[in-house]
């Protein structure tokens, strides 16, 4: 057996250098991924801040120019007024419904159930049980195909 120690050492050195290169590339990619994640979070935060600033700007304009808006702004003011009217209607209905729950706070569970049943009769429940087919579906499919 002819063993060349120098050749083995060259191969090991070459492998070690390649491993170090790959590790450096992986480390750079990891740093890039971390930077990308940080930038993405910062960008999302800045977009949220911009959205909030636009909302505040719109609110300020609406409050100051509600009665004298023209053109597109007049249309937008009308849309805001319509949405506000729908919100008020919904809130009024919610308040009314909440009030109906508080009207009978002293009633117990049995009283509420009896009131809901109307005539105070018994409740009946019908249970339907379906029987399983006698042959599995796979076998039935084979019978229909003629196999």
C-alpha atoms as a PDB file:
ATOM      1  CA  UNK A   1       0.000   0.000   0.000  1.00  0.00           C
ATOM      2  CA  UNK A   2       1.400   3.308  -1.084  1.00  0.00           C
ATOM      3  CA  UNK A   3       0.400   6.076   1.331  1.00  0.00           C
ATOM      4  CA  UNK A   4       1.154   9.721   0.526  1.00  0.00           C
ATOM      5  CA  UNK A   5       1.049  11.715   3.777  1.00  0.00           C
ATOM      6  CA  UNK A   6       1.628  15.069   2.024  1.00  0.00           C
ATOM      7  CA  UNK A   7      -1.341  14.517  -0.267  1.00  0.00           C
ATOM      8  CA  UNK A   8      -3.551  13.680   2.717  1.00  0.00           C
ATOM      9  CA  UNK A   9      -2.437  16.833   4.535  1.00  0.00           C
ATOM     10  CA  UNK A  10      -3.121  18.955   1.421  1.00  0.00           C
ATOM     11  CA  UNK A  11      -6.626  17.487   1.184  1.00  0.00           C
ATOM     12  CA  UNK A  12      -7.300  18.134   4.879  1.00  0.00           C
ATOM     13  CA  UNK A  13      -6.027  21.721   4.578  1.00  0.00           C
ATOM     14  CA  UNK A  14      -8.175  22.264   1.472  1.00  0.00           C
ATOM     15  CA  UNK A  15     -11.250  20.891   3.266  1.00  0.00           C
ATOM     16  CA  UNK A  16     -10.564  23.082   6.297  1.00  0.00           C
ATOM     17  CA  UNK A  17     -10.298  26.205   4.090  1.00  0.00           C
ATOM     18  CA  UNK A  18     -13.509  25.336   2.243  1.00  0.00           C
ATOM     19  CA  UNK A  19     -15.288  24.730   5.547  1.00  0.00           C
ATOM     20  CA  UNK A  20     -14.161  28.130   6.822  1.00  0.00           C
ATOM     21  CA  UNK A  21     -15.379  29.780   3.592  1.00  0.00           C
ATOM     22  CA  UNK A  22     -18.769  28.077   3.873  1.00  0.00           C
ATOM     23  CA  UNK A  23     -19.032  29.071   7.532  1.00  0.00           C
ATOM     24  CA  UNK A  24     -18.262  32.706   6.647  1.00  0.00           C
ATOM     25  CA  UNK A  25     -20.865  32.663   3.868  1.00  0.00           C
ATOM     26  CA  UNK A  26     -23.429  31.143   6.252  1.00  0.00           C
ATOM     27  CA  UNK A  27     -22.592  33.745   8.888  1.00  0.00           C
ATOM     28  CA  UNK A  28     -23.000  36.553   6.340  1.00  0.00           C
ATOM     29  CA  UNK A  29     -26.357  35.118   5.230  1.00  0.00           C
ATOM     30  CA  UNK A  30     -27.487  34.915   8.872  1.00  0.00           C
ATOM     31  CA  UNK A  31     -26.500  38.548   9.418  1.00  0.00           C
ATOM     32  CA  UNK A  32     -28.368  39.532   6.241  1.00  0.00           C
ATOM     33  CA  UNK A  33     -31.474  37.616   7.385  1.00  0.00           C
ATOM     34  CA  UNK A  34     -31.362  39.315  10.796  1.00  0.00           C
ATOM     35  CA  UNK A  35     -30.977  42.737   9.155  1.00  0.00           C
ATOM     36  CA  UNK A  36     -33.845  41.934   6.792  1.00  0.00           C
ATOM     37  CA  UNK A  37     -36.078  41.003   9.733  1.00  0.00           C
ATOM     38  CA  UNK A  38     -35.168  44.196  11.613  1.00  0.00           C
ATOM     39  CA  UNK A  39     -35.766  46.353   8.541  1.00  0.00           C
ATOM     40  CA  UNK A  40     -39.096  44.661   7.846  1.00  0.00           C
ATOM     41  CA  UNK A  41     -40.263  45.330  11.399  1.00  0.00           C
ATOM     42  CA  UNK A  42     -39.033  48.941  11.246  1.00  0.00           C
ATOM     43  CA  UNK A  43     -40.736  49.449   7.867  1.00  0.00           C
ATOM     44  CA  UNK A  44     -44.020  48.079   9.196  1.00  0.00           C
ATOM     45  CA  UNK A  45     -43.750  50.399  12.185  1.00  0.00           C
ATOM     46  CA  UNK A  46     -43.080  53.419   9.945  1.00  0.00           C
ATOM     47  CA  UNK A  47     -46.024  52.535   7.683  1.00  0.00           C
ATOM     48  CA  UNK A  48     -48.236  52.289  10.761  1.00  0.00           C
ATOM     49  CA  UNK A  49     -47.005  55.707  11.932  1.00  0.00           C
ATOM     50  CA  UNK A  50     -47.751  57.144   8.478  1.00  0.00           C
ATOM     51  CA  UNK A  51     -51.238  55.615   8.487  1.00  0.00           C
ATOM     52  CA  UNK A  52     -51.921  57.144  11.908  1.00  0.00           C
ATOM     53  CA  UNK A  53     -50.641  60.539  10.703  1.00  0.00           C
ATOM     54  CA  UNK A  54     -52.964  60.374   7.679  1.00  0.00           C
ATOM     55  CA  UNK A  55     -55.866  59.511   9.953  1.00  0.00           C
ATOM     56  CA  UNK A  56     -55.104  62.458  12.222  1.00  0.00           C
ATOM     57  CA  UNK A  57     -54.740  64.737   9.195  1.00  0.00           C
ATOM     58  CA  UNK A  58     -58.096  63.557   7.863  1.00  0.00           C
ATOM     59  CA  UNK A  59     -59.759  64.039  11.242  1.00  0.00           C
ATOM     60  CA  UNK A  60     -58.341  67.540  11.561  1.00  0.00           C
ATOM     61  CA  UNK A  61     -59.491  68.481   8.046  1.00  0.00           C
ATOM     62  CA  UNK A  62     -62.939  66.990   8.675  1.00  0.00           C
ATOM     63  CA  UNK A  63     -63.349  68.909  11.921  1.00  0.00           C
ATOM     64  CA  UNK A  64     -62.161  72.227  10.433  1.00  0.00           C
ATOM     65  CA  UNK A  65     -63.778  72.049   6.978  1.00  0.00           C
ATOM     66  CA  UNK A  66     -66.825  69.867   7.548  1.00  0.00           C
ATOM     67  CA  UNK A  67     -69.228  72.566   6.411  1.00  0.00           C
ATOM     68  CA  UNK A  68     -67.176  74.154   3.601  1.00  0.00           C
ATOM     69  CA  UNK A  69     -65.594  71.147   1.857  1.00  0.00           C
ATOM     70  CA  UNK A  70     -65.668  71.154  -1.946  1.00  0.00           C
ATOM     71  CA  UNK A  71     -65.189  68.604  -4.723  1.00  0.00           C
ATOM     72  CA  UNK A  72     -63.706  65.294  -3.676  1.00  0.00           C
ATOM     73  CA  UNK A  73     -63.454  66.508  -0.094  1.00  0.00           C
ATOM     74  CA  UNK A  74     -67.212  67.147  -0.027  1.00  0.00           C
ATOM     75  CA  UNK A  75     -67.845  63.574  -1.176  1.00  0.00           C
ATOM     76  CA  UNK A  76     -65.521  62.221   1.492  1.00  0.00           C
ATOM     77  CA  UNK A  77     -67.214  64.359   4.152  1.00  0.00           C
ATOM     78  CA  UNK A  78     -70.583  62.932   3.045  1.00  0.00           C
ATOM     79  CA  UNK A  79     -69.189  59.387   3.320  1.00  0.00           C
ATOM     80  CA  UNK A  80     -67.899  60.109   6.826  1.00  0.00           C
ATOM     81  CA  UNK A  81     -71.275  61.571   7.809  1.00  0.00           C
ATOM     82  CA  UNK A  82     -73.073  58.495   6.443  1.00  0.00           C
ATOM     83  CA  UNK A  83     -70.771  56.117   8.309  1.00  0.00           C
ATOM     84  CA  UNK A  84     -71.202  58.133  11.511  1.00  0.00           C
ATOM     85  CA  UNK A  85     -74.998  57.932  11.113  1.00  0.00           C
ATOM     86  CA  UNK A  86     -74.836  54.132  10.678  1.00  0.00           C
ATOM     87  CA  UNK A  87     -72.566  53.868  13.721  1.00  0.00           C
ATOM     88  CA  UNK A  88     -75.008  55.899  15.810  1.00  0.00           C
ATOM     89  CA  UNK A  89     -77.918  53.683  14.710  1.00  0.00           C
ATOM     90  CA  UNK A  90     -76.015  50.516  15.561  1.00  0.00           C
ATOM     91  CA  UNK A  91     -74.869  51.902  18.908  1.00  0.00           C
ATOM     92  CA  UNK A  92     -78.451  52.880  19.740  1.00  0.00           C
ATOM     93  CA  UNK A  93     -79.656  49.362  18.923  1.00  0.00           C
ATOM     94  CA  UNK A  94     -76.835  47.829  20.987  1.00  0.00           C
ATOM     95  CA  UNK A  95     -77.722  50.058  23.949  1.00  0.00           C
ATOM     96  CA  UNK A  96     -81.392  49.094  23.605  1.00  0.00           C
ATOM     97  CA  UNK A  97     -80.577  45.380  23.490  1.00  0.00           C
ATOM     98  CA  UNK A  98     -78.245  45.660  26.476  1.00  0.00           C
ATOM     99  CA  UNK A  99     -81.028  47.384  28.370  1.00  0.00           C
ATOM    100  CA  UNK A 100     -83.399  44.485  27.692  1.00  0.00           C
ATOM    101  CA  UNK A 101     -80.964  42.087  29.383  1.00  0.00           C
ATOM    102  CA  UNK A 102     -80.862  44.181  32.537  1.00  0.00           C
ATOM    103  CA  UNK A 103     -84.657  44.386  32.849  1.00  0.00           C
ATOM    104  CA  UNK A 104     -84.974  40.892  34.364  1.00  0.00           C
ATOM    105  CA  UNK A 105     -81.734  40.622  36.333  1.00  0.00           C
ATOM    106  CA  UNK A 106     -83.570  39.188  39.370  1.00  0.00           C
ATOM    107  CA  UNK A 107     -85.066  36.295  37.373  1.00  0.00           C
ATOM    108  CA  UNK A 108     -83.523  32.874  37.902  1.00  0.00           C
ATOM    109  CA  UNK A 109     -82.642  30.365  35.211  1.00  0.00           C
ATOM    110  CA  UNK A 110     -85.831  28.380  35.714  1.00  0.00           C
ATOM    111  CA  UNK A 111     -87.955  31.542  35.375  1.00  0.00           C
ATOM    112  CA  UNK A 112     -86.283  32.503  32.114  1.00  0.00           C
ATOM    113  CA  UNK A 113     -86.678  28.985  30.690  1.00  0.00           C
ATOM    114  CA  UNK A 114     -90.324  28.791  31.801  1.00  0.00           C
ATOM    115  CA  UNK A 115     -91.017  32.197  30.266  1.00  0.00           C
ATOM    116  CA  UNK A 116     -89.374  31.146  27.013  1.00  0.00           C
ATOM    117  CA  UNK A 117     -91.353  27.884  26.861  1.00  0.00           C
ATOM    118  CA  UNK A 118     -94.590  29.804  26.993  1.00  0.00           C
ATOM    119  CA  UNK A 119     -97.137  27.217  28.110  1.00  0.00           C
ATOM    120  CA  UNK A 120     -94.805  25.592  30.648  1.00  0.00           C
ATOM    121  CA  UNK A 121     -95.043  22.228  28.841  1.00  0.00           C
ATOM    122  CA  UNK A 122     -92.353  19.611  28.671  1.00  0.00           C
ATOM    123  CA  UNK A 123     -89.579  19.777  26.150  1.00  0.00           C
ATOM    124  CA  UNK A 124     -89.300  16.812  23.819  1.00  0.00           C
ATOM    125  CA  UNK A 125     -86.279  15.823  21.802  1.00  0.00           C
ATOM    126  CA  UNK A 126     -86.336  13.497  18.809  1.00  0.00           C
ATOM    127  CA  UNK A 127     -83.190  11.466  18.139  1.00  0.00           C
ATOM    128  CA  UNK A 128     -82.679   9.848  14.743  1.00  0.00           C
ATOM    129  CA  UNK A 129     -80.087   7.093  14.398  1.00  0.00           C
ATOM    130  CA  UNK A 130     -78.884   6.132  10.940  1.00  0.00           C
ATOM    131  CA  UNK A 131     -77.676   2.571  10.513  1.00  0.00           C
ATOM    132  CA  UNK A 132     -74.380   1.931   8.777  1.00  0.00           C
ATOM    133  CA  UNK A 133     -74.433   0.087   5.439  1.00  0.00           C
ATOM    134  CA  UNK A 134     -73.732  -3.640   5.673  1.00  0.00           C
ATOM    135  CA  UNK A 135     -70.885  -3.601   3.128  1.00  0.00           C
ATOM    136  CA  UNK A 136     -68.026  -1.122   3.088  1.00  0.00           C
ATOM    137  CA  UNK A 137     -68.101   1.527   0.363  1.00  0.00           C
ATOM    138  CA  UNK A 138     -64.925   0.188  -1.303  1.00  0.00           C
ATOM    139  CA  UNK A 139     -66.487  -3.234  -1.806  1.00  0.00           C
ATOM    140  CA  UNK A 140     -69.692  -1.680  -3.128  1.00  0.00           C
ATOM    141  CA  UNK A 141     -67.730   0.377  -5.664  1.00  0.00           C
ATOM    142  CA  UNK A 142     -65.956  -2.767  -6.883  1.00  0.00           C
ATOM    143  CA  UNK A 143     -69.287  -4.552  -7.324  1.00  0.00           C
ATOM    144  CA  UNK A 144     -70.612  -1.705  -9.470  1.00  0.00           C
ATOM    145  CA  UNK A 145     -67.561  -1.667 -11.754  1.00  0.00           C
ATOM    146  CA  UNK A 146     -67.810  -5.394 -12.378  1.00  0.00           C
ATOM    147  CA  UNK A 147     -64.479  -6.372 -10.837  1.00  0.00           C
END
